[in-house]
């Protein structure tokens, strides 16, 4: 369980804690959704340098 992204670490801890009470399905579903969002955000490809530059220029 090593990850440099603090959101993934937190979501993993919450998911593991939710697994201790599997009868509480709402808590488990919420933790699983949060874990999925955190992992998706952490593994999403970074925009290219050109895309970041265009975004900065468009906002100026």
Protein backbone atom coordinates (compact mmCIF):
# COMPACT_ATOMS: atom_id res chain seq x y z
CA UNK A 1 0.00 0.00 0.00
CA UNK A 2 2.51 2.57 -1.11
CA UNK A 3 1.35 5.48 -3.15
CA UNK A 4 2.64 9.02 -3.41
CA UNK A 5 -0.86 10.44 -3.89
CA UNK A 6 -2.38 11.35 -0.51
CA UNK A 7 -5.95 11.09 -1.86
CA UNK A 8 -5.37 7.47 -2.89
CA UNK A 9 -3.83 6.66 0.49
CA UNK A 10 -6.77 8.19 2.35
CA UNK A 11 -9.34 6.50 0.12
CA UNK A 12 -7.60 3.15 0.54
CA UNK A 13 -7.64 3.50 4.32
CA UNK A 14 -11.32 4.40 4.27
CA UNK A 15 -12.10 1.44 2.03
CA UNK A 16 -10.21 -0.97 4.26
CA UNK A 17 -12.01 0.41 7.31
CA UNK A 18 -15.36 0.01 5.56
CA UNK A 19 -14.54 -3.63 4.82
CA UNK A 20 -14.50 -4.38 8.54
CA UNK A 21 -18.30 -3.96 8.55
CA UNK A 22 -19.44 -5.41 5.22
CA UNK A 23 -23.07 -5.37 6.37
CA UNK A 24 -22.98 -1.57 6.21
CA UNK A 25 -23.34 -1.53 2.43
CA UNK A 26 -23.86 2.23 2.18
CA UNK A 27 -20.54 2.94 3.90
CA UNK A 28 -18.85 0.36 1.69
CA UNK A 29 -20.32 1.82 -1.51
CA UNK A 30 -19.31 5.36 -0.55
CA UNK A 31 -15.76 4.24 0.26
CA UNK A 32 -15.51 2.26 -2.96
CA UNK A 33 -16.70 5.22 -5.05
CA UNK A 34 -14.22 7.55 -3.33
CA UNK A 35 -11.44 5.04 -3.95
CA UNK A 36 -12.34 4.80 -7.63
CA UNK A 37 -12.38 8.58 -8.05
CA UNK A 38 -9.03 8.95 -6.27
CA UNK A 39 -7.38 6.25 -8.37
CA UNK A 40 -8.82 7.69 -11.60
CA UNK A 41 -7.54 11.15 -10.73
CA UNK A 42 -4.10 9.83 -9.76
CA UNK A 43 -3.69 7.75 -12.91
CA UNK A 44 -5.18 10.20 -15.43
CA UNK A 45 -2.67 11.25 -18.07
CA UNK A 46 -1.24 14.70 -17.60
CA UNK A 47 -2.02 17.21 -20.34
CA UNK A 48 0.83 17.85 -22.74
CA UNK A 49 2.97 20.91 -22.41
CA UNK A 50 1.17 22.43 -25.41
CA UNK A 51 -2.26 21.80 -23.92
CA UNK A 52 -1.24 23.42 -20.63
CA UNK A 53 0.24 26.38 -22.50
CA UNK A 54 -2.93 26.85 -24.57
CA UNK A 55 -5.04 26.72 -21.41
CA UNK A 56 -2.91 29.41 -19.77
CA UNK A 57 -3.02 31.60 -22.88
CA UNK A 58 -6.79 31.15 -23.23
CA UNK A 59 -7.33 32.31 -19.66
CA UNK A 60 -5.15 35.40 -20.06
